[in-house]
Amino acid sequence: TIRFAEPDPETLDLPAGAVEAVLSDRTRWVAVTAASNAVGAVP
């Protein structure tokens, strides 16, 4: 299954808590950008 961490809709920032919120005991990999090429956010 793919689970998505959602950015803040107002700022498009991706706080660590957004990723933590979708982690589970079944999470095997986390693929997170270091800088969004779409909006310039740096998680």
Full PDB file with SEQRES, HELIX, SHEET, SSBOND, CRYST1, ORIGX, SCALE, CONECT and MASTER records, all heavy atoms in Angstrom:
SEQRES   1 A   43  THR ILE ARG PHE ALA GLU PRO ASP PRO GLU THR LEU ASP          
SEQRES   2 A   43  LEU PRO ALA GLY ALA VAL GLU ALA VAL LEU SER ASP ARG          
SEQRES   3 A   43  THR ARG TRP VAL ALA VAL THR ALA ALA SER ASN ALA VAL          
SEQRES   4 A   43  GLY ALA VAL PRO                                              
HELIX    1 AA1 ALA A   16  GLU A   20  1                                   5    
CRYST1    1.000    1.000    1.000  90.00  90.00  90.00 P 1           1          
ORIGX1      1.000000  0.000000  0.000000        0.00000                         
ORIGX2      0.000000  1.000000  0.000000        0.00000                         
ORIGX3      0.000000  0.000000  1.000000        0.00000                         
SCALE1      1.000000  0.000000  0.000000        0.00000                         
SCALE2      0.000000  1.000000  0.000000        0.00000                         
SCALE3      0.000000  0.000000  1.000000        0.00000                         
ATOM      1  N   THR A   1       0.838  -1.196   0.000  1.00  0.00           N  
ATOM      2  CA  THR A   1       0.000   0.000   0.000  1.00  0.00           C  
ATOM      3  C   THR A   1       0.871   1.242   0.000  1.00  0.00           C  
ATOM      4  O   THR A   1       1.909   1.282   0.656  1.00  0.00           O  
ATOM      5  CB  THR A   1      -0.888   0.015   1.265  1.00  0.00           C  
ATOM      6  OG1 THR A   1      -1.688  -1.160   1.261  1.00  0.00           O  
ATOM      7  CG2 THR A   1      -1.777   1.237   1.325  1.00  0.00           C  
ATOM      8  N   ILE A   2       0.425   2.259  -0.728  1.00  0.00           N  
ATOM      9  CA  ILE A   2       1.064   3.583  -0.668  1.00  0.00           C  
ATOM     10  C   ILE A   2       0.218   4.461   0.239  1.00  0.00           C  
ATOM     11  O   ILE A   2      -0.998   4.535   0.098  1.00  0.00           O  
ATOM     12  CB  ILE A   2       1.133   4.246  -2.059  1.00  0.00           C  
ATOM     13  CG1 ILE A   2       1.981   3.428  -3.019  1.00  0.00           C  
ATOM     14  CG2 ILE A   2       1.648   5.679  -1.949  1.00  0.00           C  
ATOM     15  CD1 ILE A   2       3.459   3.498  -2.770  1.00  0.00           C  
ATOM     16  N   ARG A   3       0.869   5.111   1.189  1.00  0.00           N  
ATOM     17  CA  ARG A   3       0.200   6.104   2.045  1.00  0.00           C  
ATOM     18  C   ARG A   3       0.852   7.443   1.757  1.00  0.00           C  
ATOM     19  O   ARG A   3       2.050   7.515   1.534  1.00  0.00           O  
ATOM     20  CB  ARG A   3       0.348   5.712   3.510  1.00  0.00           C  
ATOM     21  CG  ARG A   3      -0.352   4.357   3.774  1.00  0.00           C  
ATOM     22  CD  ARG A   3      -0.333   3.998   5.198  1.00  0.00           C  
ATOM     23  NE  ARG A   3      -0.951   5.075   5.957  1.00  0.00           N  
ATOM     24  CZ  ARG A   3      -1.609   4.912   7.076  1.00  0.00           C  
ATOM     25  NH1 ARG A   3      -1.752   3.729   7.586  1.00  0.00           N  
ATOM     26  NH2 ARG A   3      -2.120   5.929   7.723  1.00  0.00           N  
ATOM     27  N   PHE A   4       0.050   8.503   1.765  1.00  0.00           N  
ATOM     28  CA  PHE A   4       0.569   9.829   1.439  1.00  0.00           C  
ATOM     29  C   PHE A   4       0.564  10.746   2.641  1.00  0.00           C  
ATOM     30  O   PHE A   4      -0.445  10.869   3.335  1.00  0.00           O  
ATOM     31  CB  PHE A   4      -0.267  10.471   0.325  1.00  0.00           C  
ATOM     32  CG  PHE A   4       0.041   9.919  -1.030  1.00  0.00           C  
ATOM     33  CD1 PHE A   4      -0.713   8.891  -1.562  1.00  0.00           C  
ATOM     34  CD2 PHE A   4       1.110  10.417  -1.756  1.00  0.00           C  
ATOM     35  CE1 PHE A   4      -0.429   8.375  -2.813  1.00  0.00           C  
ATOM     36  CE2 PHE A   4       1.413   9.903  -3.004  1.00  0.00           C  
ATOM     37  CZ  PHE A   4       0.633   8.872  -3.535  1.00  0.00           C  
ATOM     38  N   ALA A   5       1.704  11.397   2.864  1.00  0.00           N  
ATOM     39  CA  ALA A   5       1.796  12.489   3.832  1.00  0.00           C  
ATOM     40  C   ALA A   5       1.373  13.754   3.094  1.00  0.00           C  
ATOM     41  O   ALA A   5       1.856  14.043   2.002  1.00  0.00           O  
ATOM     42  CB  ALA A   5       3.225  12.623   4.346  1.00  0.00           C  
ATOM     43  N   GLU A   6       0.458  14.484   3.695  1.00  0.00           N  
ATOM     44  CA  GLU A   6      -0.115  15.665   3.051  1.00  0.00           C  
ATOM     45  C   GLU A   6       0.543  16.946   3.570  1.00  0.00           C  
ATOM     46  O   GLU A   6       0.709  17.109   4.776  1.00  0.00           O  
ATOM     47  CB  GLU A   6      -1.621  15.738   3.333  1.00  0.00           C  
ATOM     48  CG  GLU A   6      -2.400  14.526   2.866  1.00  0.00           C  
ATOM     49  CD  GLU A   6      -2.538  14.431   1.357  1.00  0.00           C  
ATOM     50  OE1 GLU A   6      -2.262  15.438   0.653  1.00  0.00           O  
ATOM     51  OE2 GLU A   6      -2.926  13.351   0.876  1.00  0.00           O  
ATOM     52  N   PRO A   7       0.893  17.859   2.671  1.00  0.00           N  
ATOM     53  CA  PRO A   7       1.429  19.140   3.116  1.00  0.00           C  
ATOM     54  C   PRO A   7       0.317  20.006   3.711  1.00  0.00           C  
ATOM     55  O   PRO A   7      -0.866  19.765   3.468  1.00  0.00           O  
ATOM     56  CB  PRO A   7       1.963  19.764   1.824  1.00  0.00           C  
ATOM     57  CG  PRO A   7       1.160  19.136   0.742  1.00  0.00           C  
ATOM     58  CD  PRO A   7       0.821  17.749   1.219  1.00  0.00           C  
ATOM     59  N   ASP A   8       0.718  20.990   4.461  1.00  0.00           N  
ATOM     60  CA  ASP A   8      -0.231  21.970   4.991  1.00  0.00           C  
ATOM     61  C   ASP A   8      -0.851  22.696   3.797  1.00  0.00           C  
ATOM     62  O   ASP A   8      -0.131  23.278   2.976  1.00  0.00           O  
ATOM     63  CB  ASP A   8       0.520  22.956   5.892  1.00  0.00           C  
ATOM     64  CG  ASP A   8      -0.383  24.015   6.481  1.00  0.00           C  
ATOM     65  OD1 ASP A   8      -0.976  24.787   5.696  1.00  0.00           O  
ATOM     66  OD2 ASP A   8      -0.475  24.083   7.712  1.00  0.00           O  
ATOM     67  N   PRO A   9      -2.169  22.699   3.657  1.00  0.00           N  
ATOM     68  CA  PRO A   9      -2.792  23.303   2.471  1.00  0.00           C  
ATOM     69  C   PRO A   9      -2.605  24.819   2.369  1.00  0.00           C  
ATOM     70  O   PRO A   9      -2.668  25.379   1.283  1.00  0.00           O  
ATOM     71  CB  PRO A   9      -4.272  22.942   2.613  1.00  0.00           C  
ATOM     72  CG  PRO A   9      -4.470  22.570   4.032  1.00  0.00           C  
ATOM     73  CD  PRO A   9      -3.149  22.108   4.557  1.00  0.00           C  
ATOM     74  N   GLU A  10      -2.354  25.477   3.496  1.00  0.00           N  
ATOM     75  CA  GLU A  10      -2.171  26.937   3.479  1.00  0.00           C  
ATOM     76  C   GLU A  10      -0.752  27.329   3.062  1.00  0.00           C  
ATOM     77  O   GLU A  10      -0.557  28.259   2.286  1.00  0.00           O  
ATOM     78  CB  GLU A  10      -2.448  27.507   4.878  1.00  0.00           C  
ATOM     79  CG  GLU A  10      -3.841  27.240   5.393  1.00  0.00           C  
ATOM     80  CD  GLU A  10      -4.825  28.266   4.888  1.00  0.00           C  
ATOM     81  OE1 GLU A  10      -4.445  29.437   4.739  1.00  0.00           O  
ATOM     82  OE2 GLU A  10      -5.977  27.865   4.623  1.00  0.00           O  
ATOM     83  N   THR A  11       0.243  26.607   3.592  1.00  0.00           N  
ATOM     84  CA  THR A  11       1.637  26.998   3.383  1.00  0.00           C  
ATOM     85  C   THR A  11       2.390  26.084   2.427  1.00  0.00           C  
ATOM     86  O   THR A  11       3.461  26.443   1.956  1.00  0.00           O  
ATOM     87  CB  THR A  11       2.399  26.994   4.719  1.00  0.00           C  
ATOM     88  OG1 THR A  11       2.453  25.641   5.205  1.00  0.00           O  
ATOM     89  CG2 THR A  11       1.736  27.909   5.733  1.00  0.00           C  
ATOM     90  N   LEU A  12       1.845  24.909   2.193  1.00  0.00           N  
ATOM     91  CA  LEU A  12       2.490  23.844   1.420  1.00  0.00           C  
ATOM     92  C   LEU A  12       3.764  23.336   2.075  1.00  0.00           C  
ATOM     93  O   LEU A  12       4.561  22.638   1.445  1.00  0.00           O  
ATOM     94  CB  LEU A  12       2.737  24.272  -0.031  1.00  0.00           C  
ATOM     95  CG  LEU A  12       1.469  24.586  -0.816  1.00  0.00           C  
ATOM     96  CD1 LEU A  12       1.812  25.042  -2.222  1.00  0.00           C  
ATOM     97  CD2 LEU A  12       0.526  23.392  -0.849  1.00  0.00           C  
ATOM     98  N   ASP A  13       3.962  23.654   3.345  1.00  0.00           N  
ATOM     99  CA  ASP A  13       5.055  23.066   4.112  1.00  0.00           C  
ATOM    100  C   ASP A  13       4.687  21.631   4.455  1.00  0.00           C  
ATOM    101  O   ASP A  13       3.503  21.271   4.545  1.00  0.00           O  
ATOM    102  CB  ASP A  13       5.294  23.831   5.415  1.00  0.00           C  
ATOM    103  CG  ASP A  13       5.932  25.189   5.171  1.00  0.00           C  
ATOM    104  OD1 ASP A  13       6.627  25.340   4.144  1.00  0.00           O  
ATOM    105  OD2 ASP A  13       5.732  26.085   6.003  1.00  0.00           O  
ATOM    106  N   LEU A  14       5.702  20.803   4.659  1.00  0.00           N  
ATOM    107  CA  LEU A  14       5.472  19.423   5.073  1.00  0.00           C  
ATOM    108  C   LEU A  14       6.182  19.214   6.407  1.00  0.00           C  
ATOM    109  O   LEU A  14       7.363  18.880   6.448  1.00  0.00           O  
ATOM    110  CB  LEU A  14       5.992  18.438   4.034  1.00  0.00           C  
ATOM    111  CG  LEU A  14       5.715  16.978   4.341  1.00  0.00           C  
ATOM    112  CD1 LEU A  14       4.231  16.663   4.147  1.00  0.00           C  
ATOM    113  CD2 LEU A  14       6.558  16.072   3.466  1.00  0.00           C  
ATOM    114  N   PRO A  15       5.470  19.427   7.513  1.00  0.00           N  
ATOM    115  CA  PRO A  15       6.104  19.218   8.810  1.00  0.00           C  
ATOM    116  C   PRO A  15       6.348  17.726   9.039  1.00  0.00           C  
ATOM    117  O   PRO A  15       5.655  16.874   8.479  1.00  0.00           O  
ATOM    118  CB  PRO A  15       5.076  19.766   9.802  1.00  0.00           C  
ATOM    119  CG  PRO A  15       3.780  19.759   9.075  1.00  0.00           C  
ATOM    120  CD  PRO A  15       4.089  19.876   7.616  1.00  0.00           C  
ATOM    121  N   ALA A  16       7.340  17.426   9.868  1.00  0.00           N  
ATOM    122  CA  ALA A  16       7.657  16.030  10.172  1.00  0.00           C  
ATOM    123  C   ALA A  16       6.431  15.297  10.688  1.00  0.00           C  
ATOM    124  O   ALA A  16       6.235  14.119  10.401  1.00  0.00           O  
ATOM    125  CB  ALA A  16       8.799  15.965  11.184  1.00  0.00           C  
ATOM    126  N   GLY A  17       5.571  15.995  11.411  1.00  0.00           N  
ATOM    127  CA  GLY A  17       4.365  15.381  11.951  1.00  0.00           C  
ATOM    128  C   GLY A  17       3.426  14.840  10.878  1.00  0.00           C  
ATOM    129  O   GLY A  17       2.692  13.884  11.110  1.00  0.00           O  
ATOM    130  N   ALA A  18       3.454  15.435   9.690  1.00  0.00           N  
ATOM    131  CA  ALA A  18       2.607  14.946   8.602  1.00  0.00           C  
ATOM    132  C   ALA A  18       3.065  13.568   8.132  1.00  0.00           C  
ATOM    133  O   ALA A  18       2.249  12.715   7.793  1.00  0.00           O  
ATOM    134  CB  ALA A  18       2.620  15.932   7.435  1.00  0.00           C  
ATOM    135  N   VAL A  19       4.362  13.359   8.144  1.00  0.00           N  
ATOM    136  CA  VAL A  19       4.905  12.042   7.785  1.00  0.00           C  
ATOM    137  C   VAL A  19       4.654  11.068   8.932  1.00  0.00           C  
ATOM    138  O   VAL A  19       4.188   9.944   8.720  1.00  0.00           O  
ATOM    139  CB  VAL A  19       6.398  12.125   7.433  1.00  0.00           C  
ATOM    140  CG1 VAL A  19       6.984  10.743   7.177  1.00  0.00           C  
ATOM    141  CG2 VAL A  19       6.613  13.035   6.223  1.00  0.00           C  
ATOM    142  N   GLU A  20       4.939  11.503  10.146  1.00  0.00           N  
ATOM    143  CA  GLU A  20       4.728  10.637  11.313  1.00  0.00           C  
ATOM    144  C   GLU A  20       3.280  10.163  11.406  1.00  0.00           C  
ATOM    145  O   GLU A  20       3.016   9.035  11.818  1.00  0.00           O  
ATOM    146  CB  GLU A  20       5.142  11.367  12.585  1.00  0.00           C  
ATOM    147  CG  GLU A  20       6.635  11.604  12.678  1.00  0.00           C  
ATOM    148  CD  GLU A  20       7.010  12.592  13.766  1.00  0.00           C  
ATOM    149  OE1 GLU A  20       6.116  13.171  14.427  1.00  0.00           O  
ATOM    150  OE2 GLU A  20       8.232  12.805  13.950  1.00  0.00           O  
ATOM    151  N   ALA A  21       2.343  11.004  10.986  1.00  0.00           N  
ATOM    152  CA  ALA A  21       0.920  10.678  11.097  1.00  0.00           C  
ATOM    153  C   ALA A  21       0.518   9.486  10.230  1.00  0.00           C  
ATOM    154  O   ALA A  21      -0.480   8.833  10.518  1.00  0.00           O  
ATOM    155  CB  ALA A  21       0.068  11.897  10.732  1.00  0.00           C  
ATOM    156  N   VAL A  22       1.265   9.203   9.165  1.00  0.00           N  
ATOM    157  CA  VAL A  22       0.894   8.085   8.287  1.00  0.00           C  
ATOM    158  C   VAL A  22       1.808   6.868   8.445  1.00  0.00           C  
ATOM    159  O   VAL A  22       1.645   5.872   7.748  1.00  0.00           O  
ATOM    160  CB  VAL A  22       0.828   8.521   6.797  1.00  0.00           C  
ATOM    161  CG1 VAL A  22      -0.302   9.516   6.585  1.00  0.00           C  
ATOM    162  CG2 VAL A  22       2.148   9.082   6.323  1.00  0.00           C  
ATOM    163  N   LEU A  23       2.735   6.939   9.383  1.00  0.00           N  
ATOM    164  CA  LEU A  23       3.586   5.775   9.657  1.00  0.00           C  
ATOM    165  C   LEU A  23       2.801   4.734  10.445  1.00  0.00           C  
ATOM    166  O   LEU A  23       1.943   5.077  11.251  1.00  0.00           O  
ATOM    167  CB  LEU A  23       4.821   6.186  10.452  1.00  0.00           C  
ATOM    168  CG  LEU A  23       5.788   7.153   9.787  1.00  0.00           C  
ATOM    169  CD1 LEU A  23       6.920   7.503  10.758  1.00  0.00           C  
ATOM    170  CD2 LEU A  23       6.339   6.601   8.495  1.00  0.00           C  
ATOM    171  N   SER A  24       3.122   3.487  10.204  1.00  0.00           N  
ATOM    172  CA  SER A  24       2.496   2.405  10.966  1.00  0.00           C  
ATOM    173  C   SER A  24       3.511   1.288  11.152  1.00  0.00           C  
ATOM    174  O   SER A  24       4.636   1.367  10.650  1.00  0.00           O  
ATOM    175  CB  SER A  24       1.258   1.866  10.232  1.00  0.00           C  
ATOM    176  OG  SER A  24       1.641   0.998   9.181  1.00  0.00           O  
ATOM    177  N   ASP A  25       3.105   0.253  11.834  1.00  0.00           N  
ATOM    178  CA  ASP A  25       4.010  -0.878  12.016  1.00  0.00           C  
ATOM    179  C   ASP A  25       4.232  -1.639  10.708  1.00  0.00           C  
ATOM    180  O   ASP A  25       5.100  -2.495  10.619  1.00  0.00           O  
ATOM    181  CB  ASP A  25       3.511  -1.820  13.116  1.00  0.00           C  
ATOM    182  CG  ASP A  25       2.163  -2.436  12.807  1.00  0.00           C  
ATOM    183  OD1 ASP A  25       1.429  -1.925  11.936  1.00  0.00           O  
ATOM    184  OD2 ASP A  25       1.837  -3.456  13.445  1.00  0.00           O  
ATOM    185  N   ARG A  26       3.468  -1.312   9.665  1.00  0.00           N  
ATOM    186  CA  ARG A  26       3.632  -1.945   8.348  1.00  0.00           C  
ATOM    187  C   ARG A  26       4.475  -1.085   7.397  1.00  0.00           C  
ATOM    188  O   ARG A  26       4.759  -1.499   6.277  1.00  0.00           O  
ATOM    189  CB  ARG A  26       2.272  -2.207   7.703  1.00  0.00           C  
ATOM    190  CG  ARG A  26       1.370  -3.152   8.466  1.00  0.00           C  
ATOM    191  CD  ARG A  26       1.914  -4.549   8.574  1.00  0.00           C  
ATOM    192  NE  ARG A  26       2.225  -5.066   7.238  1.00  0.00           N  
ATOM    193  CZ  ARG A  26       2.672  -6.278   7.000  1.00  0.00           C  
ATOM    194  NH1 ARG A  26       2.854  -7.120   7.983  1.00  0.00           N  
ATOM    195  NH2 ARG A  26       2.939  -6.665   5.783  1.00  0.00           N  
ATOM    196  N   THR A  27       4.879   0.124   7.826  1.00  0.00           N  
ATOM    197  CA  THR A  27       5.695   1.005   6.978  1.00  0.00           C  
ATOM    198  C   THR A  27       7.066   0.385   6.789  1.00  0.00           C  
ATOM    199  O   THR A  27       7.749   0.062   7.762  1.00  0.00           O  
ATOM    200  CB  THR A  27       5.839   2.404   7.599  1.00  0.00           C  
ATOM    201  OG1 THR A  27       4.538   2.963   7.809  1.00  0.00           O  
ATOM    202  CG2 THR A  27       6.657   3.320   6.695  1.00  0.00           C  
ATOM    203  N   ARG A  28       7.466   0.227   5.541  1.00  0.00           N  
ATOM    204  CA  ARG A  28       8.780  -0.335   5.223  1.00  0.00           C  
ATOM    205  C   ARG A  28       9.719   0.686   4.605  1.00  0.00           C  
ATOM    206  O   ARG A  28      10.921   0.601   4.762  1.00  0.00           O  
ATOM    207  CB  ARG A  28       8.638  -1.535   4.282  1.00  0.00           C  
ATOM    208  CG  ARG A  28       7.836  -2.683   4.857  1.00  0.00           C  
ATOM    209  CD  ARG A  28       8.537  -3.281   6.086  1.00  0.00           C  
ATOM    210  NE  ARG A  28       7.728  -4.306   6.703  1.00  0.00           N  
ATOM    211  CZ  ARG A  28       6.992  -4.130   7.803  1.00  0.00           C  
ATOM    212  NH1 ARG A  28       6.971  -2.963   8.423  1.00  0.00           N  
ATOM    213  NH2 ARG A  28       6.287  -5.119   8.300  1.00  0.00           N  
ATOM    214  N   TRP A  29       9.156   1.669   3.877  1.00  0.00           N  
ATOM    215  CA  TRP A  29       9.975   2.691   3.220  1.00  0.00           C  
ATOM    216  C   TRP A  29       9.249   4.015   3.264  1.00  0.00           C  
ATOM    217  O   TRP A  29       8.020   4.055   3.178  1.00  0.00           O  
ATOM    218  CB  TRP A  29      10.253   2.321   1.751  1.00  0.00           C  
ATOM    219  CG  TRP A  29      11.216   1.191   1.661  1.00  0.00           C  
ATOM    220  CD1 TRP A  29      10.903  -0.142   1.600  1.00  0.00           C  
ATOM    221  CD2 TRP A  29      12.635   1.273   1.699  1.00  0.00           C  
ATOM    222  NE1 TRP A  29      12.054  -0.881   1.586  1.00  0.00           N  
ATOM    223  CE2 TRP A  29      13.131  -0.050   1.646  1.00  0.00           C  
ATOM    224  CE3 TRP A  29      13.531   2.331   1.771  1.00  0.00           C  
ATOM    225  CZ2 TRP A  29      14.488  -0.330   1.649  1.00  0.00           C  
ATOM    226  CZ3 TRP A  29      14.887   2.046   1.779  1.00  0.00           C  
ATOM    227  CH2 TRP A  29      15.345   0.729   1.723  1.00  0.00           C  
ATOM    228  N   VAL A  30      10.034   5.088   3.390  1.00  0.00           N  
ATOM    229  CA  VAL A  30       9.499   6.444   3.326  1.00  0.00           C  
ATOM    230  C   VAL A  30      10.269   7.174   2.232  1.00  0.00           C  
ATOM    231  O   VAL A  30      11.495   7.271   2.286  1.00  0.00           O  
ATOM    232  CB  VAL A  30       9.645   7.184   4.676  1.00  0.00           C  
ATOM    233  CG1 VAL A  30       9.140   8.611   4.565  1.00  0.00           C  
ATOM    234  CG2 VAL A  30       8.913   6.433   5.786  1.00  0.00           C  
ATOM    235  N   ALA A  31       9.543   7.650   1.229  1.00  0.00           N  
ATOM    236  CA  ALA A  31      10.147   8.374   0.110  1.00  0.00           C  
ATOM    237  C   ALA A  31       9.703   9.828   0.208  1.00  0.00           C  
ATOM    238  O   ALA A  31       8.579  10.174  -0.138  1.00  0.00           O  
ATOM    239  CB  ALA A  31       9.692   7.765  -1.211  1.00  0.00           C  
ATOM    240  N   VAL A  32      10.583  10.676   0.727  1.00  0.00           N  
ATOM    241  CA  VAL A  32      10.248  12.078   0.968  1.00  0.00           C  
ATOM    242  C   VAL A  32      11.256  12.967   0.244  1.00  0.00           C  
ATOM    243  O   VAL A  32      12.455  12.755   0.335  1.00  0.00           O  
ATOM    244  CB  VAL A  32      10.278  12.397   2.483  1.00  0.00           C  
ATOM    245  CG1 VAL A  32      10.007  13.864   2.731  1.00  0.00           C  
ATOM    246  CG2 VAL A  32       9.282  11.540   3.227  1.00  0.00           C  
ATOM    247  N   THR A  33      10.734  13.961  -0.442  1.00  0.00           N  
ATOM    248  CA  THR A  33      11.603  14.906  -1.132  1.00  0.00           C  
ATOM    249  C   THR A  33      12.370  15.770  -0.129  1.00  0.00           C  
ATOM    250  O   THR A  33      11.874  16.037   0.964  1.00  0.00           O  
ATOM    251  CB  THR A  33      10.766  15.801  -2.070  1.00  0.00           C  
ATOM    252  OG1 THR A  33      11.647  16.591  -2.847  1.00  0.00           O  
ATOM    253  CG2 THR A  33       9.828  16.706  -1.303  1.00  0.00           C  
ATOM    254  N   ALA A  34      13.551  16.202  -0.524  1.00  0.00           N  
ATOM    255  CA  ALA A  34      14.297  17.161   0.294  1.00  0.00           C  
ATOM    256  C   ALA A  34      13.941  18.588  -0.102  1.00  0.00           C  
ATOM    257  O   ALA A  34      14.190  19.519   0.651  1.00  0.00           O  
ATOM    258  CB  ALA A  34      15.797  16.936   0.144  1.00  0.00           C  
ATOM    259  N   ALA A  35      13.352  18.744  -1.284  1.00  0.00           N  
ATOM    260  CA  ALA A  35      12.889  20.054  -1.749  1.00  0.00           C  
ATOM    261  C   ALA A  35      11.913  19.817  -2.894  1.00  0.00           C  
ATOM    262  O   ALA A  35      12.250  19.145  -3.859  1.00  0.00           O  
ATOM    263  CB  ALA A  35      14.053  20.916  -2.223  1.00  0.00           C  
ATOM    264  N   SER A  36      10.735  20.373  -2.784  1.00  0.00           N  
ATOM    265  CA  SER A  36       9.709  20.178  -3.809  1.00  0.00           C  
ATOM    266  C   SER A  36      10.034  20.992  -5.047  1.00  0.00           C  
ATOM    267  O   SER A  36      10.183  22.212  -4.978  1.00  0.00           O  
ATOM    268  CB  SER A  36       8.342  20.600  -3.275  1.00  0.00           C  
ATOM    269  OG  SER A  36       7.390  20.610  -4.318  1.00  0.00           O  
ATOM    270  N   ASN A  37      10.107  20.326  -6.197  1.00  0.00           N  
ATOM    271  CA  ASN A  37      10.338  21.066  -7.435  1.00  0.00           C  
ATOM    272  C   ASN A  37       9.070  21.760  -7.913  1.00  0.00           C  
ATOM    273  O   ASN A  37       9.118  22.620  -8.775  1.00  0.00           O  
ATOM    274  CB  ASN A  37      10.898  20.155  -8.524  1.00  0.00           C  
ATOM    275  CG  ASN A  37       9.864  19.182  -9.067  1.00  0.00           C  
ATOM    276  OD1 ASN A  37       8.998  18.703  -8.336  1.00  0.00           O  
ATOM    277  ND2 ASN A  37       9.955  18.880 -10.345  1.00  0.00           N  
ATOM    278  N   ALA A  38       7.933  21.400  -7.333  1.00  0.00           N  
ATOM    279  CA  ALA A  38       6.663  22.004  -7.754  1.00  0.00           C  
ATOM    280  C   ALA A  38       6.400  23.337  -7.056  1.00  0.00           C  
ATOM    281  O   ALA A  38       5.987  24.298  -7.687  1.00  0.00           O  
ATOM    282  CB  ALA A  38       5.508  21.044  -7.479  1.00  0.00           C  
ATOM    283  N   VAL A  39       6.648  23.398  -5.741  1.00  0.00           N  
ATOM    284  CA  VAL A  39       6.294  24.612  -4.995  1.00  0.00           C  
ATOM    285  C   VAL A  39       7.464  25.200  -4.212  1.00  0.00           C  
ATOM    286  O   VAL A  39       7.319  26.229  -3.571  1.00  0.00           O  
ATOM    287  CB  VAL A  39       5.104  24.352  -4.035  1.00  0.00           C  
ATOM    288  CG1 VAL A  39       3.869  23.961  -4.818  1.00  0.00           C  
ATOM    289  CG2 VAL A  39       5.446  23.303  -2.995  1.00  0.00           C  
ATOM    290  N   GLY A  40       8.614  24.546  -4.253  1.00  0.00           N  
ATOM    291  CA  GLY A  40       9.792  25.073  -3.573  1.00  0.00           C  
ATOM    292  C   GLY A  40       9.853  24.813  -2.081  1.00  0.00           C  
ATOM    293  O   GLY A  40      10.782  25.264  -1.410  1.00  0.00           O  
ATOM    294  N   ALA A  41       8.893  24.055  -1.538  1.00  0.00           N  
ATOM    295  CA  ALA A  41       8.894  23.764  -0.100  1.00  0.00           C  
ATOM    296  C   ALA A  41      10.079  22.861   0.247  1.00  0.00           C  
ATOM    297  O   ALA A  41      10.473  21.996  -0.539  1.00  0.00           O  
ATOM    298  CB  ALA A  41       7.587  23.081   0.302  1.00  0.00           C  
ATOM    299  N   VAL A  42      10.645  23.093   1.418  1.00  0.00           N  
ATOM    300  CA  VAL A  42      11.741  22.266   1.926  1.00  0.00           C  
ATOM    301  C   VAL A  42      11.219  21.585   3.184  1.00  0.00           C  
ATOM    302  O   VAL A  42      11.121  22.225   4.248  1.00  0.00           O  
ATOM    303  CB  VAL A  42      12.996  23.126   2.234  1.00  0.00           C  
ATOM    304  CG1 VAL A  42      14.091  22.271   2.825  1.00  0.00           C  
ATOM    305  CG2 VAL A  42      13.463  23.834   0.964  1.00  0.00           C  
ATOM    306  N   PRO A  43      10.849  20.310   3.093  1.00  0.00           N  
ATOM    307  CA  PRO A  43      10.266  19.614   4.230  1.00  0.00           C  
ATOM    308  C   PRO A  43      11.206  19.561   5.435  1.00  0.00           C  
ATOM    309  O   PRO A  43      12.429  19.564   5.295  1.00  0.00           O  
ATOM    310  CB  PRO A  43      10.001  18.204   3.704  1.00  0.00           C  
ATOM    311  CG  PRO A  43       9.865  18.385   2.238  1.00  0.00           C  
ATOM    312  CD  PRO A  43      10.829  19.489   1.881  1.00  0.00           C  
TER     313      PRO A  43                                                      
MASTER        0    0    0    1    0    0    0    6  312    1    0    4          
END                                                                             
